[in-house]
Amino acid sequence: MATGARSDARVMLRRALMLVDEIRSRMKAAMKARNDIEKEVLRVCLGEITTHEARDGKSMSDEDVHRILRKLAKSNRETLKLTTQPEEQRKLRIELEVLESMLPQALNEQQVTAALAPVVADIKACGNDGQATGIAMRHLKGQGAVVEGRTVSAVVRSLRA
């Protein structure tokens, strides 16, 4: 393994540990503050991370941890839509705020449009919206942008209109 690759692996490991450490420190702070809702949602996050690490046999990257956080947030949003009890809704909203506070913010439509400026001609030249969205997603992911698929799809449709 080249020295640069080893260095990159260490940086990735440190970054992932930093995110997991942030979750642990937030959980300890929630315990001290007796914030049971935050403590429990962070405990669930750590449990999911530990389960995935044990199953895969390797430490998780930041992106993997973010994927777990997004999955848990999505689950909370779906449950929030279905529940009718005010106390349960309050608890789910607090949990969702905690989860979303640890996720990177996704680009909005204006930011996505600006980021896609270099590939607008390629997007317009595509045969259909699906191919155009694929080009847009590859370009955005290549830049390391955090985007939601539906936002990119809406921007692509407006660019092709």
N, C-alpha and C. Protein backbone atom coordinates (compact mmCIF):
# COMPACT_ATOMS: atom_id res chain seq x y z
N MET A 1 0.84 -1.18 0.00
CA MET A 1 0.00 0.00 0.00
C MET A 1 0.89 1.24 0.00
N ALA A 2 0.59 2.20 -0.83
CA ALA A 2 1.40 3.41 -0.93
C ALA A 2 1.21 4.25 0.32
N THR A 3 2.21 5.07 0.61
CA THR A 3 2.15 5.91 1.80
C THR A 3 0.95 6.84 1.76
N GLY A 4 0.67 7.42 0.60
CA GLY A 4 -0.47 8.31 0.47
C GLY A 4 -1.78 7.61 0.74
N ALA A 5 -1.91 6.37 0.27
CA ALA A 5 -3.14 5.60 0.50
C ALA A 5 -3.31 5.29 1.98
N ARG A 6 -2.18 4.95 2.65
CA ARG A 6 -2.25 4.67 4.09
C ARG A 6 -2.66 5.93 4.84
N SER A 7 -2.11 7.05 4.45
CA SER A 7 -2.44 8.33 5.08
C SER A 7 -3.91 8.65 4.89
N ASP A 8 -4.42 8.43 3.66
CA ASP A 8 -5.84 8.68 3.39
C ASP A 8 -6.72 7.78 4.24
N ALA A 9 -6.33 6.52 4.40
CA ALA A 9 -7.10 5.58 5.21
C ALA A 9 -7.14 6.03 6.66
N ARG A 10 -6.01 6.52 7.17
CA ARG A 10 -5.98 7.01 8.56
C ARG A 10 -6.87 8.23 8.73
N VAL A 11 -6.84 9.14 7.75
CA VAL A 11 -7.69 10.33 7.83
C VAL A 11 -9.15 9.93 7.84
N MET A 12 -9.54 8.98 6.95
CA MET A 12 -10.93 8.51 6.92
C MET A 12 -11.32 7.88 8.24
N LEU A 13 -10.43 7.07 8.82
CA LEU A 13 -10.71 6.42 10.09
C LEU A 13 -10.87 7.47 11.18
N ARG A 14 -9.99 8.47 11.19
CA ARG A 14 -10.09 9.53 12.19
C ARG A 14 -11.39 10.30 12.04
N ARG A 15 -11.78 10.62 10.79
CA ARG A 15 -13.02 11.36 10.56
C ARG A 15 -14.22 10.55 11.04
N ALA A 16 -14.24 9.26 10.73
CA ALA A 16 -15.34 8.40 11.15
C ALA A 16 -15.37 8.31 12.67
N LEU A 17 -14.19 8.18 13.27
CA LEU A 17 -14.14 8.12 14.72
C LEU A 17 -14.60 9.44 15.31
N MET A 18 -14.28 10.53 14.64
CA MET A 18 -14.71 11.83 15.15
C MET A 18 -16.23 11.92 15.18
N LEU A 19 -16.90 11.44 14.15
CA LEU A 19 -18.35 11.48 14.12
C LEU A 19 -18.94 10.56 15.19
N VAL A 20 -18.40 9.36 15.32
CA VAL A 20 -18.87 8.44 16.36
C VAL A 20 -18.57 9.02 17.73
N ASP A 21 -17.39 9.63 17.89
CA ASP A 21 -17.05 10.26 19.17
C ASP A 21 -17.99 11.42 19.47
N GLU A 22 -18.38 12.16 18.44
CA GLU A 22 -19.34 13.25 18.64
C GLU A 22 -20.67 12.69 19.14
N ILE A 23 -21.11 11.59 18.57
CA ILE A 23 -22.36 10.97 19.01
C ILE A 23 -22.24 10.52 20.46
N ARG A 24 -21.10 9.89 20.80
CA ARG A 24 -20.88 9.45 22.19
C ARG A 24 -20.86 10.62 23.16
N SER A 25 -20.16 11.69 22.79
CA SER A 25 -20.07 12.83 23.71
C SER A 25 -21.43 13.51 23.86
N ARG A 26 -22.20 13.57 22.77
CA ARG A 26 -23.54 14.13 22.87
C ARG A 26 -24.43 13.26 23.75
N MET A 27 -24.24 11.94 23.68
CA MET A 27 -25.02 11.04 24.51
C MET A 27 -24.67 11.25 25.99
N LYS A 28 -23.37 11.39 26.29
CA LYS A 28 -22.96 11.64 27.68
C LYS A 28 -23.54 12.96 28.18
N ALA A 29 -23.50 13.99 27.33
CA ALA A 29 -24.07 15.28 27.72
C ALA A 29 -25.57 15.17 27.97
N ALA A 30 -26.25 14.39 27.13
CA ALA A 30 -27.69 14.19 27.31
C ALA A 30 -27.98 13.43 28.60
N MET A 31 -27.10 12.48 28.95
CA MET A 31 -27.26 11.75 30.21
C MET A 31 -27.12 12.70 31.40
N LYS A 32 -26.09 13.55 31.35
CA LYS A 32 -25.86 14.50 32.44
C LYS A 32 -27.01 15.49 32.56
N ALA A 33 -27.56 15.90 31.41
CA ALA A 33 -28.67 16.85 31.41
C ALA A 33 -30.01 16.17 31.66
N ARG A 34 -29.98 14.85 31.80
CA ARG A 34 -31.18 14.04 31.98
C ARG A 34 -32.19 14.24 30.84
N ASN A 35 -31.63 14.36 29.63
CA ASN A 35 -32.45 14.48 28.43
C ASN A 35 -32.63 13.07 27.86
N ASP A 36 -33.66 12.39 28.34
CA ASP A 36 -33.85 10.98 28.01
C ASP A 36 -34.13 10.74 26.52
N ILE A 37 -34.86 11.63 25.89
CA ILE A 37 -35.20 11.43 24.48
C ILE A 37 -33.94 11.48 23.62
N GLU A 38 -33.11 12.51 23.82
CA GLU A 38 -31.87 12.62 23.05
C GLU A 38 -30.93 11.46 23.35
N LYS A 39 -30.84 11.11 24.63
CA LYS A 39 -29.96 10.00 25.03
C LYS A 39 -30.37 8.71 24.32
N GLU A 40 -31.66 8.42 24.28
CA GLU A 40 -32.13 7.18 23.68
C GLU A 40 -31.93 7.15 22.17
N VAL A 41 -32.19 8.25 21.48
CA VAL A 41 -32.01 8.25 20.03
C VAL A 41 -30.52 8.12 19.69
N LEU A 42 -29.64 8.72 20.48
CA LEU A 42 -28.20 8.58 20.25
C LEU A 42 -27.74 7.16 20.56
N ARG A 43 -28.34 6.56 21.56
CA ARG A 43 -28.02 5.17 21.89
C ARG A 43 -28.41 4.23 20.74
N VAL A 44 -29.56 4.49 20.13
CA VAL A 44 -29.99 3.70 18.97
C VAL A 44 -29.00 3.89 17.82
N CYS A 45 -28.55 5.12 17.60
CA CYS A 45 -27.55 5.39 16.54
C CYS A 45 -26.29 4.58 16.79
N LEU A 46 -25.78 4.63 18.00
CA LEU A 46 -24.56 3.88 18.32
C LEU A 46 -24.77 2.38 18.17
N GLY A 47 -25.94 1.91 18.54
CA GLY A 47 -26.25 0.49 18.37
C GLY A 47 -26.25 0.08 16.91
N GLU A 48 -26.83 0.90 16.06
CA GLU A 48 -26.84 0.62 14.61
C GLU A 48 -25.42 0.62 14.06
N ILE A 49 -24.62 1.59 14.48
CA ILE A 49 -23.23 1.68 14.01
C ILE A 49 -22.45 0.45 14.44
N THR A 50 -22.60 0.07 15.71
CA THR A 50 -21.89 -1.11 16.23
C THR A 50 -22.32 -2.37 15.49
N THR A 51 -23.60 -2.51 15.23
CA THR A 51 -24.11 -3.68 14.51
C THR A 51 -23.51 -3.76 13.11
N HIS A 52 -23.50 -2.64 12.40
CA HIS A 52 -22.94 -2.63 11.05
C HIS A 52 -21.45 -2.92 11.06
N GLU A 53 -20.73 -2.36 12.03
CA GLU A 53 -19.29 -2.61 12.12
C GLU A 53 -19.01 -4.09 12.40
N ALA A 54 -19.79 -4.68 13.28
CA ALA A 54 -19.59 -6.10 13.62
C ALA A 54 -19.92 -6.99 12.42
N ARG A 55 -20.97 -6.65 11.71
CA ARG A 55 -21.37 -7.45 10.55
C ARG A 55 -20.35 -7.33 9.41
N ASP A 56 -19.85 -6.10 9.17
CA ASP A 56 -18.92 -5.88 8.06
C ASP A 56 -17.47 -6.15 8.45
N GLY A 57 -17.18 -6.14 9.74
CA GLY A 57 -15.82 -6.40 10.20
C GLY A 57 -14.86 -5.25 9.97
N LYS A 58 -15.39 -4.03 9.83
CA LYS A 58 -14.51 -2.87 9.62
C LYS A 58 -15.19 -1.63 10.19
N SER A 59 -14.37 -0.60 10.43
CA SER A 59 -14.91 0.66 10.92
C SER A 59 -15.71 1.34 9.82
N MET A 60 -16.69 2.11 10.23
CA MET A 60 -17.55 2.79 9.27
C MET A 60 -16.98 4.15 8.90
N SER A 61 -17.17 4.54 7.65
CA SER A 61 -16.77 5.86 7.19
C SER A 61 -17.84 6.87 7.61
N ASP A 62 -17.51 8.15 7.47
CA ASP A 62 -18.50 9.19 7.75
C ASP A 62 -19.75 8.99 6.90
N GLU A 63 -19.55 8.67 5.64
CA GLU A 63 -20.68 8.49 4.73
C GLU A 63 -21.57 7.34 5.20
N ASP A 64 -20.96 6.27 5.69
CA ASP A 64 -21.73 5.14 6.21
C ASP A 64 -22.54 5.55 7.44
N VAL A 65 -21.92 6.32 8.32
CA VAL A 65 -22.62 6.80 9.52
C VAL A 65 -23.75 7.73 9.11
N HIS A 66 -23.49 8.61 8.14
CA HIS A 66 -24.55 9.51 7.66
C HIS A 66 -25.70 8.71 7.04
N ARG A 67 -25.38 7.63 6.35
CA ARG A 67 -26.42 6.79 5.75
C ARG A 67 -27.33 6.21 6.85
N ILE A 68 -26.72 5.76 7.94
CA ILE A 68 -27.51 5.23 9.06
C ILE A 68 -28.38 6.33 9.67
N LEU A 69 -27.80 7.51 9.86
CA LEU A 69 -28.57 8.62 10.43
C LEU A 69 -29.73 9.00 9.52
N ARG A 70 -29.49 9.03 8.19
CA ARG A 70 -30.58 9.34 7.25
C ARG A 70 -31.67 8.28 7.31
N LYS A 71 -31.28 7.00 7.44
CA LYS A 71 -32.25 5.91 7.52
C LYS A 71 -33.12 6.07 8.77
N LEU A 72 -32.49 6.37 9.90
CA LEU A 72 -33.24 6.55 11.14
C LEU A 72 -34.15 7.77 11.06
N ALA A 73 -33.66 8.86 10.45
CA ALA A 73 -34.48 10.07 10.30
C ALA A 73 -35.69 9.79 9.40
N LYS A 74 -35.47 9.05 8.32
CA LYS A 74 -36.57 8.70 7.41
C LYS A 74 -37.62 7.87 8.15
N SER A 75 -37.16 6.93 8.94
CA SER A 75 -38.07 6.09 9.71
C SER A 75 -38.90 6.94 10.68
N ASN A 76 -38.24 7.90 11.33
CA ASN A 76 -38.97 8.78 12.26
C ASN A 76 -40.00 9.62 11.52
N ARG A 77 -39.64 10.15 10.33
CA ARG A 77 -40.59 10.95 9.56
C ARG A 77 -41.83 10.13 9.20
N GLU A 78 -41.60 8.89 8.77
CA GLU A 78 -42.73 8.02 8.39
C GLU A 78 -43.61 7.71 9.60
N THR A 79 -42.99 7.44 10.74
CA THR A 79 -43.76 7.15 11.95
C THR A 79 -44.52 8.39 12.40
N LEU A 80 -43.89 9.56 12.26
CA LEU A 80 -44.53 10.82 12.65
C LEU A 80 -45.80 11.06 11.84
N LYS A 81 -45.78 10.71 10.57
CA LYS A 81 -46.98 10.87 9.72
C LYS A 81 -48.12 9.97 10.18
N LEU A 82 -47.78 8.80 10.73
CA LEU A 82 -48.79 7.81 11.07
C LEU A 82 -49.36 7.96 12.48
N THR A 83 -48.60 8.55 13.38
CA THR A 83 -49.05 8.61 14.77
C THR A 83 -50.01 9.78 14.99
N THR A 84 -50.96 9.57 15.90
CA THR A 84 -51.94 10.61 16.20
C THR A 84 -51.82 11.12 17.63
N GLN A 85 -50.99 10.47 18.43
CA GLN A 85 -50.86 10.86 19.84
C GLN A 85 -49.90 12.05 19.96
N PRO A 86 -50.36 13.15 20.57
CA PRO A 86 -49.54 14.37 20.66
C PRO A 86 -48.19 14.14 21.37
N GLU A 87 -48.18 13.37 22.43
CA GLU A 87 -46.94 13.14 23.17
C GLU A 87 -45.94 12.36 22.31
N GLU A 88 -46.43 11.37 21.60
CA GLU A 88 -45.56 10.59 20.70
C GLU A 88 -45.04 11.46 19.56
N GLN A 89 -45.89 12.33 19.03
CA GLN A 89 -45.45 13.25 17.97
C GLN A 89 -44.35 14.18 18.47
N ARG A 90 -44.51 14.70 19.69
CA ARG A 90 -43.51 15.59 20.28
C ARG A 90 -42.17 14.87 20.41
N LYS A 91 -42.22 13.64 20.91
CA LYS A 91 -41.00 12.85 21.09
C LYS A 91 -40.32 12.59 19.74
N LEU A 92 -41.10 12.22 18.73
CA LEU A 92 -40.54 11.94 17.41
C LEU A 92 -39.93 13.19 16.78
N ARG A 93 -40.56 14.35 17.00
CA ARG A 93 -40.00 15.61 16.46
C ARG A 93 -38.66 15.92 17.10
N ILE A 94 -38.55 15.71 18.40
CA ILE A 94 -37.28 15.95 19.10
C ILE A 94 -36.22 14.99 18.58
N GLU A 95 -36.58 13.72 18.44
CA GLU A 95 -35.63 12.72 17.91
C GLU A 95 -35.17 13.11 16.51
N LEU A 96 -36.11 13.57 15.69
CA LEU A 96 -35.79 13.96 14.33
C LEU A 96 -34.84 15.16 14.31
N GLU A 97 -35.06 16.12 15.20
CA GLU A 97 -34.16 17.28 15.30
C GLU A 97 -32.74 16.83 15.66
N VAL A 98 -32.63 15.89 16.60
CA VAL A 98 -31.32 15.38 17.01
C VAL A 98 -30.63 14.71 15.83
N LEU A 99 -31.34 13.85 15.13
CA LEU A 99 -30.76 13.13 13.99
C LEU A 99 -30.34 14.09 12.88
N GLU A 100 -31.21 15.04 12.55
CA GLU A 100 -30.91 15.98 11.47
C GLU A 100 -29.77 16.93 11.83
N SER A 101 -29.58 17.18 13.12
CA SER A 101 -28.49 18.08 13.52
C SER A 101 -27.12 17.45 13.26
N MET A 102 -27.06 16.14 13.10
CA MET A 102 -25.79 15.46 12.83
C MET A 102 -25.56 15.18 11.35
N LEU A 103 -26.54 15.51 10.52
CA LEU A 103 -26.43 15.27 9.08
C LEU A 103 -25.97 16.54 8.36
N PRO A 104 -25.17 16.38 7.30
CA PRO A 104 -24.81 17.55 6.51
C PRO A 104 -26.04 18.07 5.78
N GLN A 105 -26.11 19.38 5.61
CA GLN A 105 -27.26 19.98 4.93
C GLN A 105 -27.19 19.69 3.43
N ALA A 106 -28.32 19.28 2.87
CA ALA A 106 -28.40 19.02 1.43
C ALA A 106 -28.53 20.35 0.69
N LEU A 107 -28.03 20.38 -0.54
CA LEU A 107 -28.12 21.58 -1.37
C LEU A 107 -29.57 21.85 -1.75
N ASN A 108 -29.95 23.14 -1.83
CA ASN A 108 -31.29 23.48 -2.28
C ASN A 108 -31.30 23.59 -3.81
N GLU A 109 -32.45 23.90 -4.40
CA GLU A 109 -32.57 23.91 -5.86
C GLU A 109 -31.64 24.92 -6.52
N GLN A 110 -31.51 26.12 -5.94
CA GLN A 110 -30.63 27.13 -6.53
C GLN A 110 -29.17 26.67 -6.50
N GLN A 111 -28.76 26.06 -5.40
CA GLN A 111 -27.38 25.57 -5.28
C GLN A 111 -27.12 24.42 -6.25
N VAL A 112 -28.11 23.54 -6.42
CA VAL A 112 -27.96 22.43 -7.36
C VAL A 112 -27.85 22.97 -8.78
N THR A 113 -28.69 23.95 -9.13
CA THR A 113 -28.64 24.55 -10.46
C THR A 113 -27.26 25.15 -10.73
N ALA A 114 -26.72 25.86 -9.75
CA ALA A 114 -25.39 26.47 -9.91
C ALA A 114 -24.31 25.39 -10.05
N ALA A 115 -24.42 24.33 -9.27
CA ALA A 115 -23.42 23.26 -9.31
C ALA A 115 -23.46 22.50 -10.64
N LEU A 116 -24.63 22.47 -11.28
CA LEU A 116 -24.78 21.75 -12.54
C LEU A 116 -24.44 22.59 -13.77
N ALA A 117 -24.09 23.85 -13.58
CA ALA A 117 -23.79 24.75 -14.71
C ALA A 117 -22.79 24.15 -15.70
N PRO A 118 -21.70 23.49 -15.25
CA PRO A 118 -20.74 22.95 -16.22
C PRO A 118 -21.29 21.81 -17.10
N VAL A 119 -22.36 21.15 -16.68
CA VAL A 119 -22.87 20.00 -17.44
C VAL A 119 -24.27 20.23 -18.00
N VAL A 120 -24.71 21.49 -18.06
CA VAL A 120 -26.05 21.78 -18.56
C VAL A 120 -26.23 21.28 -19.99
N ALA A 121 -25.23 21.47 -20.84
CA ALA A 121 -25.33 21.02 -22.24
C ALA A 121 -25.51 19.51 -22.31
N ASP A 122 -24.77 18.76 -21.48
CA ASP A 122 -24.90 17.30 -21.46
C ASP A 122 -26.29 16.89 -20.99
N ILE A 123 -26.81 17.59 -20.00
CA ILE A 123 -28.14 17.28 -19.45
C ILE A 123 -29.21 17.51 -20.51
N LYS A 124 -29.11 18.63 -21.24
CA LYS A 124 -30.10 18.95 -22.28
C LYS A 124 -30.01 17.99 -23.45
N ALA A 125 -28.82 17.43 -23.70
CA ALA A 125 -28.61 16.54 -24.84
C ALA A 125 -29.13 15.12 -24.60
N CYS A 126 -29.46 14.78 -23.38
CA CYS A 126 -29.91 13.42 -23.05
C CYS A 126 -31.27 13.13 -23.68
N GLY A 127 -31.51 11.85 -23.92
CA GLY A 127 -32.76 11.41 -24.53
C GLY A 127 -33.96 11.49 -23.62
N ASN A 128 -33.74 11.33 -22.30
CA ASN A 128 -34.87 11.39 -21.37
C ASN A 128 -34.40 11.93 -20.01
N ASP A 129 -35.35 12.21 -19.14
CA ASP A 129 -35.03 12.78 -17.83
C ASP A 129 -34.21 11.84 -16.96
N GLY A 130 -34.44 10.54 -17.09
CA GLY A 130 -33.70 9.56 -16.28
C GLY A 130 -32.21 9.60 -16.57
N GLN A 131 -31.86 9.62 -17.86
CA GLN A 131 -30.44 9.70 -18.24
C GLN A 131 -29.85 11.03 -17.78
N ALA A 132 -30.61 12.10 -17.95
CA ALA A 132 -30.14 13.43 -17.56
C ALA A 132 -29.91 13.49 -16.05
N THR A 133 -30.81 12.90 -15.29
CA THR A 133 -30.65 12.88 -13.83
C THR A 133 -29.42 12.07 -13.45
N GLY A 134 -29.16 10.99 -14.16
CA GLY A 134 -27.96 10.18 -13.91
C GLY A 134 -26.69 10.99 -14.10
N ILE A 135 -26.63 11.76 -15.18
CA ILE A 135 -25.46 12.61 -15.43
C ILE A 135 -25.32 13.64 -14.32
N ALA A 136 -26.44 14.24 -13.94
CA ALA A 136 -26.42 15.26 -12.89
C ALA A 136 -25.94 14.66 -11.56
N MET A 137 -26.46 13.50 -11.20
CA MET A 137 -26.07 12.86 -9.93
C MET A 137 -24.59 12.49 -9.93
N ARG A 138 -24.09 11.95 -11.04
CA ARG A 138 -22.66 11.61 -11.12
C ARG A 138 -21.81 12.86 -10.94
N HIS A 139 -22.21 13.94 -11.59
CA HIS A 139 -21.45 15.19 -11.48
C HIS A 139 -21.46 15.70 -10.04
N LEU A 140 -22.63 15.72 -9.42
CA LEU A 140 -22.75 16.24 -8.06
C LEU A 140 -22.01 15.36 -7.05
N LYS A 141 -22.16 14.06 -7.17
CA LYS A 141 -21.47 13.14 -6.25
C LYS A 141 -19.96 13.23 -6.44
N GLY A 142 -19.53 13.45 -7.69
CA GLY A 142 -18.11 13.63 -7.97
C GLY A 142 -17.54 14.85 -7.28
N GLN A 143 -18.38 15.85 -7.07
CA GLN A 143 -17.97 17.06 -6.35
C GLN A 143 -18.11 16.89 -4.85
N GLY A 144 -18.68 15.78 -4.42
CA GLY A 144 -18.88 15.54 -3.00
C GLY A 144 -20.08 16.26 -2.43
N ALA A 145 -21.00 16.68 -3.30
CA ALA A 145 -22.18 17.41 -2.85
C ALA A 145 -23.18 16.47 -2.19
N VAL A 146 -23.85 16.98 -1.16
CA VAL A 146 -24.92 16.24 -0.50
C VAL A 146 -26.22 16.76 -1.10
N VAL A 147 -26.94 15.88 -1.80
CA VAL A 147 -28.17 16.28 -2.48
C VAL A 147 -29.26 15.24 -2.26
N GLU A 148 -30.49 15.69 -2.41
CA GLU A 148 -31.63 14.78 -2.37
C GLU A 148 -32.03 14.50 -3.81
N GLY A 149 -32.33 13.26 -4.10
CA GLY A 149 -32.67 12.86 -5.46
C GLY A 149 -33.83 13.64 -6.04
N ARG A 150 -34.85 13.90 -5.24
CA ARG A 150 -36.02 14.61 -5.77
C ARG A 150 -35.68 16.05 -6.13
N THR A 151 -34.75 16.67 -5.40
CA THR A 151 -34.33 18.04 -5.73
C THR A 151 -33.59 18.04 -7.06
N VAL A 152 -32.66 17.10 -7.23
CA VAL A 152 -31.91 17.01 -8.48
C VAL A 152 -32.85 16.74 -9.64
N SER A 153 -33.80 15.84 -9.44
CA SER A 153 -34.77 15.51 -10.49
C SER A 153 -35.57 16.74 -10.90
N ALA A 154 -36.01 17.54 -9.93
CA ALA A 154 -36.78 18.75 -10.23
C ALA A 154 -35.93 19.75 -11.01
N VAL A 155 -34.68 19.92 -10.62
CA VAL A 155 -33.78 20.85 -11.32
C VAL A 155 -33.54 20.37 -12.75
N VAL A 156 -33.31 19.07 -12.91
CA VAL A 156 -33.07 18.51 -14.25
C VAL A 156 -34.29 18.75 -15.14
N ARG A 157 -35.49 18.51 -14.61
CA ARG A 157 -36.70 18.75 -15.40
C ARG A 157 -36.81 20.21 -15.82
N SER A 158 -36.48 21.13 -14.91
CA SER A 158 -36.57 22.56 -15.25
C SER A 158 -35.49 22.94 -16.27
N LEU A 159 -34.31 22.35 -16.20
CA LEU A 159 -33.25 22.65 -17.17
C LEU A 159 -33.61 22.12 -18.55
N ARG A 160 -34.31 21.00 -18.60
CA ARG A 160 -34.66 20.38 -19.89
C ARG A 160 -35.93 20.97 -20.49
N ALA A 161 -36.67 21.75 -19.73
CA ALA A 161 -37.95 22.30 -20.20
C ALA A 161 -37.75 23.41 -21.23
